[in-house]
PDB file of all heavy atoms in Angstrom:
ATOM      1  N   ILE A   1      10.966  -4.180  -5.925  1.00  0.00           N
ATOM      2  CA  ILE A   1      10.332  -3.117  -5.151  1.00  0.00           C
ATOM      3  C   ILE A   1       9.271  -3.674  -4.210  1.00  0.00           C
ATOM      4  O   ILE A   1       9.188  -3.297  -3.039  1.00  0.00           O
ATOM      5  CB  ILE A   1       9.717  -2.056  -6.088  1.00  0.00           C
ATOM      6  CG1 ILE A   1      10.822  -1.267  -6.790  1.00  0.00           C
ATOM      7  CG2 ILE A   1       8.810  -1.103  -5.320  1.00  0.00           C
ATOM      8  CD1 ILE A   1      10.319  -0.268  -7.797  1.00  0.00           C
ATOM      9  N   LEU A   2       8.462  -4.621  -4.723  1.00  0.00           N
ATOM     10  CA  LEU A   2       7.396  -5.164  -3.902  1.00  0.00           C
ATOM     11  C   LEU A   2       7.922  -6.060  -2.788  1.00  0.00           C
ATOM     12  O   LEU A   2       7.183  -6.427  -1.882  1.00  0.00           O
ATOM     13  CB  LEU A   2       6.394  -5.925  -4.770  1.00  0.00           C
ATOM     14  CG  LEU A   2       5.580  -5.067  -5.742  1.00  0.00           C
ATOM     15  CD1 LEU A   2       4.545  -5.919  -6.447  1.00  0.00           C
ATOM     16  CD2 LEU A   2       4.904  -3.899  -5.041  1.00  0.00           C
ATOM     17  N   GLY A   3       9.204  -6.420  -2.854  1.00  0.00           N
ATOM     18  CA  GLY A   3       9.811  -7.199  -1.792  1.00  0.00           C
ATOM     19  C   GLY A   3      10.540  -6.336  -0.776  1.00  0.00           C
ATOM     20  O   GLY A   3      11.207  -6.847   0.119  1.00  0.00           O
ATOM     21  N   THR A   4      10.397  -5.030  -0.909  1.00  0.00           N
ATOM     22  CA  THR A   4      11.075  -4.088  -0.021  1.00  0.00           C
ATOM     23  C   THR A   4      10.178  -3.736   1.156  1.00  0.00           C
ATOM     24  O   THR A   4       8.997  -3.439   0.979  1.00  0.00           O
ATOM     25  CB  THR A   4      11.435  -2.798  -0.783  1.00  0.00           C
ATOM     26  OG1 THR A   4      12.244  -3.136  -1.901  1.00  0.00           O
ATOM     27  CG2 THR A   4      12.181  -1.831   0.120  1.00  0.00           C
ATOM     28  N   GLU A   5      10.735  -3.768   2.341  1.00  0.00           N
ATOM     29  CA  GLU A   5       9.955  -3.441   3.536  1.00  0.00           C
ATOM     30  C   GLU A   5       9.593  -1.961   3.532  1.00  0.00           C
ATOM     31  O   GLU A   5      10.461  -1.086   3.483  1.00  0.00           O
ATOM     32  CB  GLU A   5      10.766  -3.786   4.784  1.00  0.00           C
ATOM     33  CG  GLU A   5       9.962  -3.696   6.074  1.00  0.00           C
ATOM     34  CD  GLU A   5      10.760  -4.157   7.268  1.00  0.00           C
ATOM     35  OE1 GLU A   5      10.966  -5.378   7.414  1.00  0.00           O
ATOM     36  OE2 GLU A   5      11.216  -3.286   8.044  1.00  0.00           O
ATOM     37  N   SER A   6       8.281  -1.674   3.565  1.00  0.00           N
ATOM     38  CA  SER A   6       7.834  -0.290   3.457  1.00  0.00           C
ATOM     39  C   SER A   6       6.359  -0.200   3.822  1.00  0.00           C
ATOM     40  O   SER A   6       5.583  -1.137   3.598  1.00  0.00           O
ATOM     41  CB  SER A   6       8.036   0.219   2.027  1.00  0.00           C
ATOM     42  OG  SER A   6       7.383   1.458   1.829  1.00  0.00           O
ATOM     43  N   ARG A   7       5.964   0.960   4.327  1.00  0.00           N
ATOM     44  CA  ARG A   7       4.539   1.211   4.574  1.00  0.00           C
ATOM     45  C   ARG A   7       3.791   1.456   3.268  1.00  0.00           C
ATOM     46  O   ARG A   7       2.557   1.519   3.264  1.00  0.00           O
ATOM     47  CB  ARG A   7       4.367   2.412   5.502  1.00  0.00           C
ATOM     48  CG  ARG A   7       4.744   2.144   6.959  1.00  0.00           C
ATOM     49  CD  ARG A   7       4.331   3.316   7.840  1.00  0.00           C
ATOM     50  NE  ARG A   7       2.890   3.481   7.885  1.00  0.00           N
ATOM     51  CZ  ARG A   7       2.103   2.963   8.824  1.00  0.00           C
ATOM     52  NH1 ARG A   7       2.606   2.229   9.812  1.00  0.00           N
ATOM     53  NH2 ARG A   7       0.794   3.175   8.801  1.00  0.00           N
ATOM     54  N   ARG A   8       4.512   1.574   2.166  1.00  0.00           N
ATOM     55  CA  ARG A   8       3.840   1.805   0.886  1.00  0.00           C
ATOM     56  C   ARG A   8       3.037   0.583   0.439  1.00  0.00           C
ATOM     57  O   ARG A   8       2.223   0.680  -0.479  1.00  0.00           O
ATOM     58  CB  ARG A   8       4.851   2.201  -0.183  1.00  0.00           C
ATOM     59  CG  ARG A   8       5.480   3.570   0.080  1.00  0.00           C
ATOM     60  CD  ARG A   8       6.246   4.073  -1.116  1.00  0.00           C
ATOM     61  NE  ARG A   8       5.365   4.296  -2.264  1.00  0.00           N
ATOM     62  CZ  ARG A   8       5.807   4.654  -3.462  1.00  0.00           C
ATOM     63  NH1 ARG A   8       7.105   4.819  -3.677  1.00  0.00           N
ATOM     64  NH2 ARG A   8       4.953   4.842  -4.464  1.00  0.00           N
ATOM     65  N   HIS A   9       3.231  -0.553   1.102  1.00  0.00           N
ATOM     66  CA  HIS A   9       2.406  -1.714   0.790  1.00  0.00           C
ATOM     67  C   HIS A   9       0.941  -1.483   1.195  1.00  0.00           C
ATOM     68  O   HIS A   9       0.060  -2.200   0.725  1.00  0.00           O
ATOM     69  CB  HIS A   9       2.962  -2.959   1.467  1.00  0.00           C
ATOM     70  CG  HIS A   9       4.280  -3.390   0.894  1.00  0.00           C
ATOM     71  ND1 HIS A   9       4.391  -3.987  -0.339  1.00  0.00           N
ATOM     72  CD2 HIS A   9       5.551  -3.266   1.365  1.00  0.00           C
ATOM     73  CE1 HIS A   9       5.664  -4.236  -0.597  1.00  0.00           C
ATOM     74  NE2 HIS A   9       6.386  -3.807   0.416  1.00  0.00           N
ATOM     75  N   PHE A  10       0.687  -0.458   1.991  1.00  0.00           N
ATOM     76  CA  PHE A  10      -0.691  -0.079   2.313  1.00  0.00           C
ATOM     77  C   PHE A  10      -1.425   0.413   1.068  1.00  0.00           C
ATOM     78  O   PHE A  10      -2.661   0.481   1.066  1.00  0.00           O
ATOM     79  CB  PHE A  10      -0.705   1.005   3.395  1.00  0.00           C
ATOM     80  CG  PHE A  10      -0.489   0.494   4.799  1.00  0.00           C
ATOM     81  CD1 PHE A  10       0.765   0.089   5.218  1.00  0.00           C
ATOM     82  CD2 PHE A  10      -1.539   0.415   5.704  1.00  0.00           C
ATOM     83  CE1 PHE A  10       0.984  -0.377   6.511  1.00  0.00           C
ATOM     84  CE2 PHE A  10      -1.347  -0.045   6.998  1.00  0.00           C
ATOM     85  CZ  PHE A  10      -0.079  -0.453   7.405  1.00  0.00           C
ATOM     86  N   ASP A  11      -0.701   0.770   0.008  1.00  0.00           N
ATOM     87  CA  ASP A  11      -1.339   1.190  -1.243  1.00  0.00           C
ATOM     88  C   ASP A  11      -2.252   0.109  -1.804  1.00  0.00           C
ATOM     89  O   ASP A  11      -3.158   0.398  -2.591  1.00  0.00           O
ATOM     90  CB  ASP A  11      -0.277   1.535  -2.304  1.00  0.00           C
ATOM     91  CG  ASP A  11       0.524   2.778  -1.970  1.00  0.00           C
ATOM     92  OD1 ASP A  11       0.143   3.497  -1.031  1.00  0.00           O
ATOM     93  OD2 ASP A  11       1.540   3.031  -2.662  1.00  0.00           O
ATOM     94  N   LEU A  12      -2.005  -1.134  -1.424  1.00  0.00           N
ATOM     95  CA  LEU A  12      -2.801  -2.247  -1.932  1.00  0.00           C
ATOM     96  C   LEU A  12      -4.290  -2.026  -1.688  1.00  0.00           C
ATOM     97  O   LEU A  12      -5.128  -2.350  -2.536  1.00  0.00           O
ATOM     98  CB  LEU A  12      -2.343  -3.545  -1.262  1.00  0.00           C
ATOM     99  CG  LEU A  12      -3.028  -4.838  -1.702  1.00  0.00           C
ATOM    100  CD1 LEU A  12      -2.746  -5.132  -3.170  1.00  0.00           C
ATOM    101  CD2 LEU A  12      -2.557  -6.008  -0.834  1.00  0.00           C
ATOM    102  N   PHE A  13      -4.639  -1.458  -0.539  1.00  0.00           N
ATOM    103  CA  PHE A  13      -6.053  -1.270  -0.206  1.00  0.00           C
ATOM    104  C   PHE A  13      -6.700  -0.243  -1.125  1.00  0.00           C
ATOM    105  O   PHE A  13      -7.838  -0.427  -1.574  1.00  0.00           O
ATOM    106  CB  PHE A  13      -6.194  -0.864   1.263  1.00  0.00           C
ATOM    107  CG  PHE A  13      -5.555  -1.852   2.202  1.00  0.00           C
ATOM    108  CD1 PHE A  13      -4.413  -1.523   2.917  1.00  0.00           C
ATOM    109  CD2 PHE A  13      -6.072  -3.126   2.341  1.00  0.00           C
ATOM    110  CE1 PHE A  13      -3.812  -2.428   3.769  1.00  0.00           C
ATOM    111  CE2 PHE A  13      -5.487  -4.056   3.194  1.00  0.00           C
ATOM    112  CZ  PHE A  13      -4.350  -3.699   3.900  1.00  0.00           C
ATOM    113  N   ASP A  14      -5.993   0.838  -1.420  1.00  0.00           N
ATOM    114  CA  ASP A  14      -6.536   1.841  -2.334  1.00  0.00           C
ATOM    115  C   ASP A  14      -6.742   1.263  -3.725  1.00  0.00           C
ATOM    116  O   ASP A  14      -7.725   1.583  -4.402  1.00  0.00           O
ATOM    117  CB  ASP A  14      -5.602   3.049  -2.421  1.00  0.00           C
ATOM    118  CG  ASP A  14      -5.508   3.818  -1.112  1.00  0.00           C
ATOM    119  OD1 ASP A  14      -6.475   3.760  -0.326  1.00  0.00           O
ATOM    120  OD2 ASP A  14      -4.473   4.460  -0.874  1.00  0.00           O
ATOM    121  N   GLN A  15      -5.811   0.400  -4.152  1.00  0.00           N
ATOM    122  CA  GLN A  15      -5.941  -0.172  -5.498  1.00  0.00           C
ATOM    123  C   GLN A  15      -7.181  -1.066  -5.591  1.00  0.00           C
ATOM    124  O   GLN A  15      -7.907  -1.019  -6.589  1.00  0.00           O
ATOM    125  CB  GLN A  15      -4.677  -0.959  -5.880  1.00  0.00           C
ATOM    126  CG  GLN A  15      -3.364  -0.192  -5.735  1.00  0.00           C
ATOM    127  CD  GLN A  15      -3.239   1.031  -6.648  1.00  0.00           C
ATOM    128  OE1 GLN A  15      -4.212   1.509  -7.219  1.00  0.00           O
ATOM    129  NE2 GLN A  15      -2.027   1.541  -6.776  1.00  0.00           N
ATOM    130  N   TYR A  16      -7.429  -1.869  -4.569  1.00  0.00           N
ATOM    131  CA  TYR A  16      -8.626  -2.716  -4.629  1.00  0.00           C
ATOM    132  C   TYR A  16      -9.908  -1.902  -4.435  1.00  0.00           C
ATOM    133  O   TYR A  16     -10.960  -2.250  -4.997  1.00  0.00           O
ATOM    134  CB  TYR A  16      -8.538  -3.860  -3.623  1.00  0.00           C
ATOM    135  CG  TYR A  16      -7.781  -5.035  -4.193  1.00  0.00           C
ATOM    136  CD1 TYR A  16      -6.500  -5.359  -3.764  1.00  0.00           C
ATOM    137  CD2 TYR A  16      -8.352  -5.816  -5.208  1.00  0.00           C
ATOM    138  CE1 TYR A  16      -5.798  -6.424  -4.315  1.00  0.00           C
ATOM    139  CE2 TYR A  16      -7.653  -6.887  -5.759  1.00  0.00           C
ATOM    140  CZ  TYR A  16      -6.383  -7.180  -5.318  1.00  0.00           C
ATOM    141  OH  TYR A  16      -5.692  -8.227  -5.884  1.00  0.00           O
ATOM    142  N   ASP A  17      -9.857  -0.826  -3.683  1.00  0.00           N
ATOM    143  CA  ASP A  17     -11.025   0.055  -3.610  1.00  0.00           C
ATOM    144  C   ASP A  17     -11.354   0.598  -5.003  1.00  0.00           C
ATOM    145  O   ASP A  17     -12.531   0.709  -5.376  1.00  0.00           O
ATOM    146  CB  ASP A  17     -10.762   1.222  -2.653  1.00  0.00           C
ATOM    147  CG  ASP A  17     -10.935   0.844  -1.194  1.00  0.00           C
ATOM    148  OD1 ASP A  17     -11.590  -0.187  -0.907  1.00  0.00           O
ATOM    149  OD2 ASP A  17     -10.419   1.578  -0.325  1.00  0.00           O
ATOM    150  N   ARG A  18     -10.318   0.900  -5.795  1.00  0.00           N
ATOM    151  CA  ARG A  18     -10.551   1.370  -7.164  1.00  0.00           C
ATOM    152  C   ARG A  18     -11.201   0.285  -8.018  1.00  0.00           C
ATOM    153  O   ARG A  18     -12.084   0.556  -8.823  1.00  0.00           O
ATOM    154  CB  ARG A  18      -9.232   1.824  -7.796  1.00  0.00           C
ATOM    155  CG  ARG A  18      -8.634   3.080  -7.177  1.00  0.00           C
ATOM    156  CD  ARG A  18      -7.364   3.516  -7.900  1.00  0.00           C
ATOM    157  NE  ARG A  18      -6.880   4.788  -7.383  1.00  0.00           N
ATOM    158  CZ  ARG A  18      -5.857   4.922  -6.545  1.00  0.00           C
ATOM    159  NH1 ARG A  18      -5.187   3.832  -6.157  1.00  0.00           N
ATOM    160  NH2 ARG A  18      -5.485   6.103  -6.111  1.00  0.00           N
ATOM    161  N   VAL A  19     -10.738  -0.950  -7.842  1.00  0.00           N
ATOM    162  CA  VAL A  19     -11.317  -2.063  -8.608  1.00  0.00           C
ATOM    163  C   VAL A  19     -12.801  -2.220  -8.301  1.00  0.00           C
ATOM    164  O   VAL A  19     -13.634  -2.332  -9.211  1.00  0.00           O
ATOM    165  CB  VAL A  19     -10.566  -3.380  -8.307  1.00  0.00           C
ATOM    166  CG1 VAL A  19     -11.304  -4.571  -8.919  1.00  0.00           C
ATOM    167  CG2 VAL A  19      -9.140  -3.320  -8.829  1.00  0.00           C
ATOM    168  N   PHE A  20     -13.163  -2.213  -7.023  1.00  0.00           N
ATOM    169  CA  PHE A  20     -14.563  -2.424  -6.661  1.00  0.00           C
ATOM    170  C   PHE A  20     -15.423  -1.218  -7.031  1.00  0.00           C
ATOM    171  O   PHE A  20     -16.603  -1.379  -7.372  1.00  0.00           O
ATOM    172  CB  PHE A  20     -14.679  -2.766  -5.180  1.00  0.00           C
ATOM    173  CG  PHE A  20     -14.216  -4.159  -4.857  1.00  0.00           C
ATOM    174  CD1 PHE A  20     -13.033  -4.378  -4.160  1.00  0.00           C
ATOM    175  CD2 PHE A  20     -14.939  -5.258  -5.289  1.00  0.00           C
ATOM    176  CE1 PHE A  20     -12.597  -5.660  -3.882  1.00  0.00           C
ATOM    177  CE2 PHE A  20     -14.512  -6.561  -5.017  1.00  0.00           C
ATOM    178  CZ  PHE A  20     -13.342  -6.753  -4.314  1.00  0.00           C
ATOM    179  N   ALA A  21     -14.849  -0.018  -6.990  1.00  0.00           N
ATOM    180  CA  ALA A  21     -15.590   1.165  -7.456  1.00  0.00           C
ATOM    181  C   ALA A  21     -15.882   1.039  -8.947  1.00  0.00           C
ATOM    182  O   ALA A  21     -16.966   1.397  -9.419  1.00  0.00           O
ATOM    183  CB  ALA A  21     -14.801   2.435  -7.165  1.00  0.00           C
ATOM    184  N   PHE A  22     -14.911   0.527  -9.700  1.00  0.00           N
ATOM    185  CA  PHE A  22     -15.117   0.314 -11.135  1.00  0.00           C
ATOM    186  C   PHE A  22     -16.196  -0.738 -11.357  1.00  0.00           C
ATOM    187  O   PHE A  22     -17.078  -0.572 -12.207  1.00  0.00           O
ATOM    188  CB  PHE A  22     -13.804  -0.114 -11.784  1.00  0.00           C
ATOM    189  CG  PHE A  22     -13.846  -0.161 -13.285  1.00  0.00           C
ATOM    190  CD1 PHE A  22     -13.562   0.966 -14.039  1.00  0.00           C
ATOM    191  CD2 PHE A  22     -14.170  -1.332 -13.947  1.00  0.00           C
ATOM    192  CE1 PHE A  22     -13.622   0.932 -15.424  1.00  0.00           C
ATOM    193  CE2 PHE A  22     -14.227  -1.382 -15.329  1.00  0.00           C
ATOM    194  CZ  PHE A  22     -13.955  -0.240 -16.075  1.00  0.00           C
ATOM    195  N   LEU A  23     -16.148  -1.819 -10.597  1.00  0.00           N
ATOM    196  CA  LEU A  23     -17.132  -2.886 -10.730  1.00  0.00           C
ATOM    197  C   LEU A  23     -18.536  -2.381 -10.420  1.00  0.00           C
ATOM    198  O   LEU A  23     -19.517  -2.829 -11.043  1.00  0.00           O
ATOM    199  CB  LEU A  23     -16.762  -4.047  -9.805  1.00  0.00           C
ATOM    200  CG  LEU A  23     -17.687  -5.268  -9.811  1.00  0.00           C
ATOM    201  CD1 LEU A  23     -17.727  -5.917 -11.196  1.00  0.00           C
ATOM    202  CD2 LEU A  23     -17.219  -6.287  -8.776  1.00  0.00           C
ATOM    203  N   ASP A  24     -18.653  -1.447  -9.499  1.00  0.00           N
ATOM    204  CA  ASP A  24     -19.964  -0.894  -9.144  1.00  0.00           C
ATOM    205  C   ASP A  24     -20.668  -0.286 -10.352  1.00  0.00           C
ATOM    206  O   ASP A  24     -21.902  -0.228 -10.397  1.00  0.00           O
ATOM    207  CB  ASP A  24     -19.817   0.163  -8.051  1.00  0.00           C
ATOM    208  CG  ASP A  24     -19.472  -0.442  -6.692  1.00  0.00           C
ATOM    209  OD1 ASP A  24     -19.674  -1.653  -6.515  1.00  0.00           O
ATOM    210  OD2 ASP A  24     -18.974   0.302  -5.827  1.00  0.00           O
ATOM    211  N   GLY A  25     -19.889   0.184 -11.324  1.00  0.00           N
ATOM    212  CA  GLY A  25     -20.471   0.791 -12.519  1.00  0.00           C
ATOM    213  C   GLY A  25     -20.742  -0.184 -13.637  1.00  0.00           C
ATOM    214  O   GLY A  25     -21.100   0.235 -14.747  1.00  0.00           O
ATOM    215  N   LEU A  26     -20.568  -1.488 -13.385  1.00  0.00           N
ATOM    216  CA  LEU A  26     -20.767  -2.513 -14.411  1.00  0.00           C
ATOM    217  C   LEU A  26     -21.758  -3.568 -13.904  1.00  0.00           C
ATOM    218  O   LEU A  26     -21.367  -4.662 -13.500  1.00  0.00           O
ATOM    219  CB  LEU A  26     -19.440  -3.194 -14.760  1.00  0.00           C
ATOM    220  CG  LEU A  26     -18.356  -2.343 -15.416  1.00  0.00           C
ATOM    221  CD1 LEU A  26     -17.071  -3.151 -15.562  1.00  0.00           C
ATOM    222  CD2 LEU A  26     -18.816  -1.829 -16.780  1.00  0.00           C
ATOM    223  N   PRO A  27     -23.040  -3.248 -13.908  1.00  0.00           N
ATOM    224  CA  PRO A  27     -24.015  -4.223 -13.389  1.00  0.00           C
ATOM    225  C   PRO A  27     -23.984  -5.559 -14.127  1.00  0.00           C
ATOM    226  O   PRO A  27     -24.284  -6.601 -13.532  1.00  0.00           O
ATOM    227  CB  PRO A  27     -25.363  -3.511 -13.586  1.00  0.00           C
ATOM    228  CG  PRO A  27     -25.095  -2.411 -14.573  1.00  0.00           C
ATOM    229  CD  PRO A  27     -23.683  -2.010 -14.364  1.00  0.00           C
ATOM    230  N   GLU A  28     -23.568  -5.555 -15.405  1.00  0.00           N
ATOM    231  CA  GLU A  28     -23.524  -6.797 -16.157  1.00  0.00           C
ATOM    232  C   GLU A  28     -22.420  -7.732 -15.672  1.00  0.00           C
ATOM    233  O   GLU A  28     -22.418  -8.935 -15.986  1.00  0.00           O
ATOM    234  CB  GLU A  28     -23.318  -6.509 -17.657  1.00  0.00           C
ATOM    235  CG  GLU A  28     -21.980  -5.904 -18.029  1.00  0.00           C
ATOM    236  CD  GLU A  28     -21.918  -4.391 -17.887  1.00  0.00           C
ATOM    237  OE1 GLU A  28     -22.825  -3.813 -17.232  1.00  0.00           O
ATOM    238  OE2 GLU A  28     -20.989  -3.779 -18.434  1.00  0.00           O
ATOM    239  N   ALA A  29     -21.462  -7.194 -14.886  1.00  0.00           N
ATOM    240  CA  ALA A  29     -20.357  -8.008 -14.367  1.00  0.00           C
ATOM    241  C   ALA A  29     -20.517  -8.300 -12.876  1.00  0.00           C
ATOM    242  O   ALA A  29     -19.594  -8.805 -12.242  1.00  0.00           O
ATOM    243  CB  ALA A  29     -19.028  -7.298 -14.619  1.00  0.00           C
ATOM    244  N   GLU A  30     -21.681  -8.014 -12.328  1.00  0.00           N
ATOM    245  CA  GLU A  30     -21.893  -8.159 -10.889  1.00  0.00           C
ATOM    246  C   GLU A  30     -21.624  -9.584 -10.399  1.00  0.00           C
ATOM    247  O   GLU A  30     -21.116  -9.789  -9.300  1.00  0.00           O
ATOM    248  CB  GLU A  30     -23.313  -7.737 -10.533  1.00  0.00           C
ATOM    249  CG  GLU A  30     -23.648  -7.812  -9.041  1.00  0.00           C
ATOM    250  CD  GLU A  30     -22.747  -6.931  -8.183  1.00  0.00           C
ATOM    251  OE1 GLU A  30     -22.255  -5.900  -8.695  1.00  0.00           O
ATOM    252  OE2 GLU A  30     -22.536  -7.282  -7.003  1.00  0.00           O
ATOM    253  N   ARG A  31     -21.927 -10.570 -11.210  1.00  0.00           N
ATOM    254  CA  ARG A  31     -21.734 -11.949 -10.759  1.00  0.00           C
ATOM    255  C   ARG A  31     -20.260 -12.318 -10.576  1.00  0.00           C
ATOM    256  O   ARG A  31     -19.943 -13.364 -10.005  1.00  0.00           O
ATOM    257  CB  ARG A  31     -22.403 -12.924 -11.716  1.00  0.00           C
ATOM    258  CG  ARG A  31     -21.781 -13.041 -13.093  1.00  0.00           C
ATOM    259  CD  ARG A  31     -22.602 -13.979 -13.961  1.00  0.00           C
ATOM    260  NE  ARG A  31     -22.056 -14.152 -15.301  1.00  0.00           N
ATOM    261  CZ  ARG A  31     -21.156 -15.068 -15.627  1.00  0.00           C
ATOM    262  NH1 ARG A  31     -20.689 -15.889 -14.700  1.00  0.00           N
ATOM    263  NH2 ARG A  31     -20.714 -15.175 -16.866  1.00  0.00           N
ATOM    264  N   LEU A  32     -19.370 -11.443 -11.047  1.00  0.00           N
ATOM    265  CA  LEU A  32     -17.940 -11.684 -10.875  1.00  0.00           C
ATOM    266  C   LEU A  32     -17.422 -11.137  -9.545  1.00  0.00           C
ATOM    267  O   LEU A  32     -16.266 -11.358  -9.196  1.00  0.00           O
ATOM    268  CB  LEU A  32     -17.157 -11.050 -12.022  1.00  0.00           C
ATOM    269  CG  LEU A  32     -17.470 -11.581 -13.424  1.00  0.00           C
ATOM    270  CD1 LEU A  32     -16.711 -10.783 -14.476  1.00  0.00           C
ATOM    271  CD2 LEU A  32     -17.135 -13.057 -13.532  1.00  0.00           C
ATOM    272  N   ARG A  33     -18.268 -10.444  -8.816  1.00  0.00           N
ATOM    273  CA  ARG A  33     -17.828  -9.811  -7.568  1.00  0.00           C
ATOM    274  C   ARG A  33     -17.239 -10.816  -6.567  1.00  0.00           C
ATOM    275  O   ARG A  33     -16.181 -10.555  -5.983  1.00  0.00           O
ATOM    276  CB  ARG A  33     -18.970  -9.028  -6.937  1.00  0.00           C
ATOM    277  CG  ARG A  33     -18.548  -8.183  -5.723  1.00  0.00           C
ATOM    278  CD  ARG A  33     -19.722  -7.383  -5.166  1.00  0.00           C
ATOM    279  NE  ARG A  33     -20.196  -6.393  -6.112  1.00  0.00           N
ATOM    280  CZ  ARG A  33     -19.729  -5.154  -6.204  1.00  0.00           C
ATOM    281  NH1 ARG A  33     -18.766  -4.759  -5.378  1.00  0.00           N
ATOM    282  NH2 ARG A  33     -20.228  -4.323  -7.083  1.00  0.00           N
ATOM    283  N   PRO A  34     -17.883 -11.976  -6.321  1.00  0.00           N
ATOM    284  CA  PRO A  34     -17.281 -12.921  -5.356  1.00  0.00           C
ATOM    285  C   PRO A  34     -15.881 -13.368  -5.749  1.00  0.00           C
ATOM    286  O   PRO A  34     -15.008 -13.506  -4.880  1.00  0.00           O
ATOM    287  CB  PRO A  34     -18.268 -14.086  -5.355  1.00  0.00           C
ATOM    288  CG  PRO A  34     -19.575 -13.482  -5.750  1.00  0.00           C
ATOM    289  CD  PRO A  34     -19.218 -12.435  -6.760  1.00  0.00           C
ATOM    290  N   LEU A  35     -15.640 -13.585  -7.046  1.00  0.00           N
ATOM    291  CA  LEU A  35     -14.312 -14.012  -7.480  1.00  0.00           C
ATOM    292  C   LEU A  35     -13.294 -12.887  -7.301  1.00  0.00           C
ATOM    293  O   LEU A  35     -12.165 -13.128  -6.831  1.00  0.00           O
ATOM    294  CB  LEU A  35     -14.355 -14.460  -8.941  1.00  0.00           C
ATOM    295  CG  LEU A  35     -13.017 -14.883  -9.567  1.00  0.00           C
ATOM    296  CD1 LEU A  35     -12.322 -15.956  -8.733  1.00  0.00           C
ATOM    297  CD2 LEU A  35     -13.230 -15.369 -10.997  1.00  0.00           C
ATOM    298  N   LEU A  36     -13.675 -11.663  -7.625  1.00  0.00           N
ATOM    299  CA  LEU A  36     -12.763 -10.529  -7.428  1.00  0.00           C
ATOM    300  C   LEU A  36     -12.495 -10.306  -5.942  1.00  0.00           C
ATOM    301  O   LEU A  36     -11.375  -9.969  -5.548  1.00  0.00           O
ATOM    302  CB  LEU A  36     -13.353  -9.266  -8.060  1.00  0.00           C
ATOM    303  CG  LEU A  36     -13.309  -9.230  -9.587  1.00  0.00           C
ATOM    304  CD1 LEU A  36     -14.173  -8.090 -10.114  1.00  0.00           C
ATOM    305  CD2 LEU A  36     -11.869  -9.060 -10.085  1.00  0.00           C
ATOM    306  N   PHE A  37     -13.512 -10.507  -5.123  1.00  0.00           N
ATOM    307  CA  PHE A  37     -13.328 -10.386  -3.675  1.00  0.00           C
ATOM    308  C   PHE A  37     -12.354 -11.449  -3.174  1.00  0.00           C
ATOM    309  O   PHE A  37     -11.451 -11.161  -2.365  1.00  0.00           O
ATOM    310  CB  PHE A  37     -14.676 -10.516  -2.979  1.00  0.00           C
ATOM    311  CG  PHE A  37     -14.604 -10.378  -1.483  1.00  0.00           C
ATOM    312  CD1 PHE A  37     -14.509  -9.128  -0.893  1.00  0.00           C
ATOM    313  CD2 PHE A  37     -14.626 -11.488  -0.666  1.00  0.00           C
ATOM    314  CE1 PHE A  37     -14.436  -8.991   0.486  1.00  0.00           C
ATOM    315  CE2 PHE A  37     -14.562 -11.370   0.714  1.00  0.00           C
ATOM    316  CZ  PHE A  37     -14.464 -10.116   1.295  1.00  0.00           C
ATOM    317  N   LEU A  38     -12.519 -12.680  -3.653  1.00  0.00           N
ATOM    318  CA  LEU A  38     -11.590 -13.755  -3.298  1.00  0.00           C
ATOM    319  C   LEU A  38     -10.165 -13.383  -3.662  1.00  0.00           C
ATOM    320  O   LEU A  38      -9.234 -13.561  -2.857  1.00  0.00           O
ATOM    321  CB  LEU A  38     -11.995 -15.033  -4.028  1.00  0.00           C
ATOM    322  CG  LEU A  38     -10.993 -16.196  -3.985  1.00  0.00           C
ATOM    323  CD1 LEU A  38     -10.962 -16.807  -2.596  1.00  0.00           C
ATOM    324  CD2 LEU A  38     -11.353 -17.260  -5.020  1.00  0.00           C
ATOM    325  N   ARG A  39      -9.970 -12.831  -4.864  1.00  0.00           N
ATOM    326  CA  ARG A  39      -8.628 -12.442  -5.312  1.00  0.00           C
ATOM    327  C   ARG A  39      -8.065 -11.332  -4.421  1.00  0.00           C
ATOM    328  O   ARG A  39      -6.881 -11.338  -4.074  1.00  0.00           O
ATOM    329  CB  ARG A  39      -8.668 -11.990  -6.766  1.00  0.00           C
ATOM    330  CG  ARG A  39      -9.098 -13.068  -7.744  1.00  0.00           C
ATOM    331  CD  ARG A  39      -8.119 -14.216  -7.779  1.00  0.00           C
ATOM    332  NE  ARG A  39      -6.897 -13.850  -8.474  1.00  0.00           N
ATOM    333  CZ  ARG A  39      -5.745 -14.489  -8.357  1.00  0.00           C
ATOM    334  NH1 ARG A  39      -5.639 -15.519  -7.550  1.00  0.00           N
ATOM    335  NH2 ARG A  39      -4.689 -14.096  -9.033  1.00  0.00           N
ATOM    336  N   ALA A  40      -8.913 -10.388  -4.039  1.00  0.00           N
ATOM    337  CA  ALA A  40      -8.459  -9.276  -3.192  1.00  0.00           C
ATOM    338  C   ALA A  40      -8.008  -9.790  -1.823  1.00  0.00           C
ATOM    339  O   ALA A  40      -6.922  -9.412  -1.332  1.00  0.00           O
ATOM    340  CB  ALA A  40      -9.580  -8.251  -3.031  1.00  0.00           C
ATOM    341  N   ILE A  41      -8.805 -10.643  -1.209  1.00  0.00           N
ATOM    342  CA  ILE A  41      -8.464 -11.130   0.130  1.00  0.00           C
ATOM    343  C   ILE A  41      -7.246 -12.047   0.070  1.00  0.00           C
ATOM    344  O   ILE A  41      -6.370 -12.004   0.953  1.00  0.00           O
ATOM    345  CB  ILE A  41      -9.672 -11.841   0.775  1.00  0.00           C
ATOM    346  CG1 ILE A  41     -10.863 -10.881   0.844  1.00  0.00           C
ATOM    347  CG2 ILE A  41      -9.309 -12.335   2.166  1.00  0.00           C
ATOM    348  CD1 ILE A  41     -10.570  -9.548   1.529  1.00  0.00           C
TER     349      ILE A  41
END
């Protein structure tokens, strides 16, 4: 499915927005933000 040509691959941005929104609520994990950002990009 992920190898299929489709505009649904734009869903990737919403999924990472969810990840960073979750991280915003975990101040104890803040130092992991650069690594998660690297993975997202």
